[in-house]
Amino acid sequence: MNKWKEYYLKDLARYSNVKVDRRIKVFLKRFRKCQFSSSNVFSVFKKLSFRRIKQKLNIELYGKTSIGYGLYIGHPYGITINDGAVIGNNCNIHRGVLIGQENRGMRKGTPIIGNCVWIGINSSIVGKVTIGDDVLIAPNTFVNCDIPSHSIVFGNPCIIKHRDNATEGYINNKI
């Protein structure tokens, strides 16, 4: 099986209990094809079709961004992900999320996000920060510091609370 297809099917498996918009399915399929494409023959067509669905859903995402399997976009629209960001497996991303780059200072760079991370509505993650596994980032949180695994993060500046199984009940249908 092609790698893009494997990841795409794992993405869709996360939506098994939810009625999913057809546009999300198209977006995920085109993203995975762009992410794993190595051929230049069809790359122009893939890029154009991916750009079109991104514009419809108002998602800024480069086709080669490193995102693991099991991506769940609960509510599209207004999502911006820098092309240098690294996102792990089984992550939920919601409306208005910004995962961005910092261009100066001690946190110059882009975020690295672990597995099983739930990112709430209108949250921002900026700079060279590392977010561990099993982290819940509450809505409207501004993250510009490292977050250890098994944590809940909220507020601005971010407040970190340790909790085992922090995303229990939030990350549905883990692959």
C-alpha atoms as a PDB file:
ATOM      1  CA  MET A   1       0.000   0.000   0.000  1.00  0.00           C
ATOM      2  CA  ASN A   2       1.238   3.517  -0.739  1.00  0.00           C
ATOM      3  CA  LYS A   3       2.382   5.474   2.288  1.00  0.00           C
ATOM      4  CA  TRP A   4       0.014   8.367   1.488  1.00  0.00           C
ATOM      5  CA  LYS A   5      -2.923   5.968   1.335  1.00  0.00           C
ATOM      6  CA  GLU A   6      -1.975   4.326   4.631  1.00  0.00           C
ATOM      7  CA  TYR A   7      -1.841   7.711   6.372  1.00  0.00           C
ATOM      8  CA  TYR A   8      -5.054   8.864   4.682  1.00  0.00           C
ATOM      9  CA  LEU A   9      -6.958   5.763   5.838  1.00  0.00           C
ATOM     10  CA  LYS A  10      -5.646   6.265   9.375  1.00  0.00           C
ATOM     11  CA  ASP A  11      -6.801   9.893   9.219  1.00  0.00           C
ATOM     12  CA  LEU A  12     -10.276   8.798   8.128  1.00  0.00           C
ATOM     13  CA  ALA A  13     -10.436   6.174  10.886  1.00  0.00           C
ATOM     14  CA  ARG A  14     -10.302   9.013  13.423  1.00  0.00           C
ATOM     15  CA  TYR A  15     -13.627  10.292  12.014  1.00  0.00           C
ATOM     16  CA  SER A  16     -15.469   6.949  12.302  1.00  0.00           C
ATOM     17  CA  ASN A  17     -17.994   8.116  14.943  1.00  0.00           C
ATOM     18  CA  VAL A  18     -18.571  11.549  13.411  1.00  0.00           C
ATOM     19  CA  LYS A  19     -20.292  12.731  10.267  1.00  0.00           C
ATOM     20  CA  VAL A  20     -17.413  14.227   8.312  1.00  0.00           C
ATOM     21  CA  ASP A  21     -17.715  16.949   5.708  1.00  0.00           C
ATOM     22  CA  ARG A  22     -16.750  15.749   2.235  1.00  0.00           C
ATOM     23  CA  ARG A  23     -14.363  18.702   1.910  1.00  0.00           C
ATOM     24  CA  ILE A  24     -12.340  17.468   4.889  1.00  0.00           C
ATOM     25  CA  LYS A  25     -11.948  14.066   3.233  1.00  0.00           C
ATOM     26  CA  VAL A  26     -10.799  15.736   0.010  1.00  0.00           C
ATOM     27  CA  PHE A  27      -8.424  17.986   1.933  1.00  0.00           C
ATOM     28  CA  LEU A  28      -6.841  15.082   3.824  1.00  0.00           C
ATOM     29  CA  LYS A  29      -6.480  13.005   0.669  1.00  0.00           C
ATOM     30  CA  ARG A  30      -4.834  15.823  -1.291  1.00  0.00           C
ATOM     31  CA  PHE A  31      -2.585  16.765   1.629  1.00  0.00           C
ATOM     32  CA  ARG A  32      -1.338  13.199   2.030  1.00  0.00           C
ATOM     33  CA  LYS A  33      -0.706  12.890  -1.701  1.00  0.00           C
ATOM     34  CA  CYS A  34       1.333  16.116  -1.667  1.00  0.00           C
ATOM     35  CA  GLN A  35       3.152  15.120   1.519  1.00  0.00           C
ATOM     36  CA  PHE A  36       4.393  11.830   0.082  1.00  0.00           C
ATOM     37  CA  SER A  37       4.698  12.692  -3.611  1.00  0.00           C
ATOM     38  CA  SER A  38       8.111  12.154  -5.124  1.00  0.00           C
ATOM     39  CA  SER A  39       7.132  12.353  -8.783  1.00  0.00           C
ATOM     40  CA  ASN A  40       7.280  15.665 -10.611  1.00  0.00           C
ATOM     41  CA  VAL A  41       4.973  14.452 -13.396  1.00  0.00           C
ATOM     42  CA  PHE A  42       1.741  15.033 -11.485  1.00  0.00           C
ATOM     43  CA  SER A  43       3.073  17.397  -8.833  1.00  0.00           C
ATOM     44  CA  VAL A  44       1.794  20.555 -10.562  1.00  0.00           C
ATOM     45  CA  PHE A  45      -1.739  19.133 -10.723  1.00  0.00           C
ATOM     46  CA  LYS A  46      -1.533  17.911  -7.111  1.00  0.00           C
ATOM     47  CA  LYS A  47      -0.326  21.288  -5.887  1.00  0.00           C
ATOM     48  CA  LEU A  48      -3.045  23.187  -7.743  1.00  0.00           C
ATOM     49  CA  SER A  49      -5.833  20.918  -6.522  1.00  0.00           C
ATOM     50  CA  PHE A  50      -4.454  21.044  -2.969  1.00  0.00           C
ATOM     51  CA  ARG A  51      -4.248  24.845  -3.121  1.00  0.00           C
ATOM     52  CA  ARG A  52      -7.875  25.038  -4.221  1.00  0.00           C
ATOM     53  CA  ILE A  53      -9.223  22.949  -1.339  1.00  0.00           C
ATOM     54  CA  LYS A  54      -7.011  24.852   1.139  1.00  0.00           C
ATOM     55  CA  GLN A  55      -8.571  28.110  -0.006  1.00  0.00           C
ATOM     56  CA  LYS A  56     -12.095  26.711   0.368  1.00  0.00           C
ATOM     57  CA  LEU A  57     -11.393  25.584   3.929  1.00  0.00           C
ATOM     58  CA  ASN A  58      -9.190  28.597   4.776  1.00  0.00           C
ATOM     59  CA  ILE A  59      -6.314  26.388   5.938  1.00  0.00           C
ATOM     60  CA  GLU A  60      -2.744  27.557   5.410  1.00  0.00           C
ATOM     61  CA  LEU A  61      -0.631  24.435   5.217  1.00  0.00           C
ATOM     62  CA  TYR A  62       2.323  23.549   3.012  1.00  0.00           C
ATOM     63  CA  GLY A  63       1.999  20.179   1.270  1.00  0.00           C
ATOM     64  CA  LYS A  64       5.304  18.834   2.613  1.00  0.00           C
ATOM     65  CA  THR A  65       4.712  19.711   6.286  1.00  0.00           C
ATOM     66  CA  SER A  66       5.632  16.814   8.556  1.00  0.00           C
ATOM     67  CA  ILE A  67       2.378  15.616  10.134  1.00  0.00           C
ATOM     68  CA  GLY A  68       1.972  12.081  11.451  1.00  0.00           C
ATOM     69  CA  TYR A  69      -0.965   9.771  10.819  1.00  0.00           C
ATOM     70  CA  GLY A  70      -4.335  10.183  12.485  1.00  0.00           C
ATOM     71  CA  LEU A  71      -4.712  13.928  11.836  1.00  0.00           C
ATOM     72  CA  TYR A  72      -8.111  15.168  13.016  1.00  0.00           C
ATOM     73  CA  ILE A  73      -9.329  18.614  12.021  1.00  0.00           C
ATOM     74  CA  GLY A  74     -12.450  19.130  14.105  1.00  0.00           C
ATOM     75  CA  HIS A  75     -13.467  22.430  12.591  1.00  0.00           C
ATOM     76  CA  PRO A  76     -11.497  23.831   9.676  1.00  0.00           C
ATOM     77  CA  TYR A  77     -11.242  27.528   8.843  1.00  0.00           C
ATOM     78  CA  GLY A  78      -8.573  29.892  10.008  1.00  0.00           C
ATOM     79  CA  ILE A  79      -5.894  27.252  10.651  1.00  0.00           C
ATOM     80  CA  THR A  80      -2.291  28.262   9.930  1.00  0.00           C
ATOM     81  CA  ILE A  81       0.580  25.775  10.208  1.00  0.00           C
ATOM     82  CA  ASN A  82       4.142  26.792   9.357  1.00  0.00           C
ATOM     83  CA  ASP A  83       5.904  24.502   6.887  1.00  0.00           C
ATOM     84  CA  GLY A  84       8.772  23.866   9.318  1.00  0.00           C
ATOM     85  CA  ALA A  85       6.519  22.578  12.107  1.00  0.00           C
ATOM     86  CA  VAL A  86       6.596  18.893  13.038  1.00  0.00           C
ATOM     87  CA  ILE A  87       3.374  17.336  14.319  1.00  0.00           C
ATOM     88  CA  GLY A  88       3.110  13.795  15.687  1.00  0.00           C
ATOM     89  CA  ASN A  89       0.461  11.095  15.375  1.00  0.00           C
ATOM     90  CA  ASN A  90      -3.183  11.307  16.501  1.00  0.00           C
ATOM     91  CA  CYS A  91      -3.330  15.082  16.892  1.00  0.00           C
ATOM     92  CA  ASN A  92      -6.525  17.151  16.941  1.00  0.00           C
ATOM     93  CA  ILE A  93      -6.381  20.663  15.495  1.00  0.00           C
ATOM     94  CA  HIS A  94      -9.343  23.013  15.749  1.00  0.00           C
ATOM     95  CA  ARG A  95     -10.547  26.297  14.249  1.00  0.00           C
ATOM     96  CA  GLY A  96      -8.270  29.330  14.448  1.00  0.00           C
ATOM     97  CA  VAL A  97      -5.125  27.458  15.506  1.00  0.00           C
ATOM     98  CA  LEU A  98      -1.771  29.041  14.686  1.00  0.00           C
ATOM     99  CA  ILE A  99       1.394  26.931  14.717  1.00  0.00           C
ATOM    100  CA  GLY A 100       4.020  29.442  13.731  1.00  0.00           C
ATOM    101  CA  GLN A 101       7.635  30.413  13.491  1.00  0.00           C
ATOM    102  CA  GLU A 102       9.511  32.934  15.592  1.00  0.00           C
ATOM    103  CA  ASN A 103      12.147  34.808  13.591  1.00  0.00           C
ATOM    104  CA  ARG A 104      14.353  36.190  16.343  1.00  0.00           C
ATOM    105  CA  GLY A 105      15.282  35.725  19.950  1.00  0.00           C
ATOM    106  CA  MET A 106      16.086  32.606  21.916  1.00  0.00           C
ATOM    107  CA  ARG A 107      13.086  30.698  20.538  1.00  0.00           C
ATOM    108  CA  LYS A 108      13.894  31.306  16.881  1.00  0.00           C
ATOM    109  CA  GLY A 109      12.391  28.428  14.897  1.00  0.00           C
ATOM    110  CA  THR A 110       9.240  26.318  14.672  1.00  0.00           C
ATOM    111  CA  PRO A 111       7.391  24.014  17.105  1.00  0.00           C
ATOM    112  CA  ILE A 112       7.778  20.267  17.461  1.00  0.00           C
ATOM    113  CA  ILE A 113       4.530  18.702  18.654  1.00  0.00           C
ATOM    114  CA  GLY A 114       4.363  15.157  20.027  1.00  0.00           C
ATOM    115  CA  ASN A 115       1.759  12.399  19.702  1.00  0.00           C
ATOM    116  CA  CYS A 116      -1.806  12.552  21.028  1.00  0.00           C
ATOM    117  CA  VAL A 117      -1.989  16.324  21.366  1.00  0.00           C
ATOM    118  CA  TRP A 118      -5.322  18.141  21.421  1.00  0.00           C
ATOM    119  CA  ILE A 119      -5.052  21.788  20.333  1.00  0.00           C
ATOM    120  CA  GLY A 120      -8.117  23.875  21.198  1.00  0.00           C
ATOM    121  CA  ILE A 121      -9.840  26.648  19.295  1.00  0.00           C
ATOM    122  CA  ASN A 122      -7.825  29.857  18.721  1.00  0.00           C
ATOM    123  CA  SER A 123      -4.688  28.514  20.379  1.00  0.00           C
ATOM    124  CA  SER A 124      -1.271  29.746  19.251  1.00  0.00           C
ATOM    125  CA  ILE A 125       1.987  27.811  19.432  1.00  0.00           C
ATOM    126  CA  VAL A 126       4.990  29.837  18.323  1.00  0.00           C
ATOM    127  CA  GLY A 127       8.752  29.511  18.301  1.00  0.00           C
ATOM    128  CA  LYS A 128      11.148  26.638  18.756  1.00  0.00           C
ATOM    129  CA  VAL A 129       9.232  24.874  21.487  1.00  0.00           C
ATOM    130  CA  THR A 130       8.732  21.184  22.142  1.00  0.00           C
ATOM    131  CA  ILE A 131       5.345  19.858  23.159  1.00  0.00           C
ATOM    132  CA  GLY A 132       5.391  16.368  24.636  1.00  0.00           C
ATOM    133  CA  ASP A 133       2.995  13.471  24.144  1.00  0.00           C
ATOM    134  CA  ASP A 134      -0.503  13.398  25.673  1.00  0.00           C
ATOM    135  CA  VAL A 135      -0.882  17.169  26.012  1.00  0.00           C
ATOM    136  CA  LEU A 136      -4.146  19.096  26.046  1.00  0.00           C
ATOM    137  CA  ILE A 137      -3.829  22.732  24.971  1.00  0.00           C
ATOM    138  CA  ALA A 138      -6.959  24.565  26.089  1.00  0.00           C
ATOM    139  CA  PRO A 139      -8.776  27.012  23.800  1.00  0.00           C
ATOM    140  CA  ASN A 140      -7.290  30.529  23.526  1.00  0.00           C
ATOM    141  CA  THR A 141      -3.918  29.458  24.943  1.00  0.00           C
ATOM    142  CA  PHE A 142      -0.662  31.098  23.884  1.00  0.00           C
ATOM    143  CA  VAL A 143       2.233  28.609  24.056  1.00  0.00           C
ATOM    144  CA  ASN A 144       5.798  29.885  23.753  1.00  0.00           C
ATOM    145  CA  CYS A 145       7.589  27.530  26.152  1.00  0.00           C
ATOM    146  CA  ASP A 146       8.339  23.805  26.263  1.00  0.00           C
ATOM    147  CA  ILE A 147       5.502  21.618  27.537  1.00  0.00           C
ATOM    148  CA  PRO A 148       6.287  18.260  29.176  1.00  0.00           C
ATOM    149  CA  SER A 149       4.323  15.116  28.341  1.00  0.00           C
ATOM    150  CA  HIS A 150       1.078  14.407  30.220  1.00  0.00           C
ATOM    151  CA  SER A 151       0.116  18.033  30.776  1.00  0.00           C
ATOM    152  CA  ILE A 152      -2.783  20.413  30.438  1.00  0.00           C
ATOM    153  CA  VAL A 153      -1.885  23.921  29.290  1.00  0.00           C
ATOM    154  CA  PHE A 154      -4.077  27.001  29.491  1.00  0.00           C
ATOM    155  CA  GLY A 155      -3.912  30.793  29.542  1.00  0.00           C
ATOM    156  CA  ASN A 156      -1.568  33.535  28.435  1.00  0.00           C
ATOM    157  CA  PRO A 157       1.156  33.238  29.587  1.00  0.00           C
ATOM    158  CA  CYS A 158       0.648  29.502  29.562  1.00  0.00           C
ATOM    159  CA  ILE A 159       0.052  27.710  32.839  1.00  0.00           C
ATOM    160  CA  ILE A 160       1.101  24.054  32.874  1.00  0.00           C
ATOM    161  CA  LYS A 161      -0.588  21.424  35.053  1.00  0.00           C
ATOM    162  CA  HIS A 162       0.626  17.818  35.120  1.00  0.00           C
ATOM    163  CA  ARG A 163      -2.086  15.201  34.584  1.00  0.00           C
ATOM    164  CA  ASP A 164      -1.757  11.569  33.588  1.00  0.00           C
ATOM    165  CA  ASN A 165      -3.988  10.771  30.599  1.00  0.00           C
ATOM    166  CA  ALA A 166      -4.486  14.480  29.933  1.00  0.00           C
ATOM    167  CA  THR A 167      -6.230  13.912  26.599  1.00  0.00           C
ATOM    168  CA  GLU A 168      -8.487  11.087  27.758  1.00  0.00           C
ATOM    169  CA  GLY A 169     -11.936  11.737  26.314  1.00  0.00           C
ATOM    170  CA  TYR A 170     -10.580  14.341  23.889  1.00  0.00           C
ATOM    171  CA  ILE A 171      -8.559  12.246  21.431  1.00  0.00           C
ATOM    172  CA  ASN A 172     -11.141   9.945  19.897  1.00  0.00           C
ATOM    173  CA  ASN A 173     -10.413   6.791  17.916  1.00  0.00           C
ATOM    174  CA  LYS A 174      -6.658   6.659  18.473  1.00  0.00           C
ATOM    175  CA  ILE A 175      -4.842   4.680  15.825  1.00  0.00           C
END
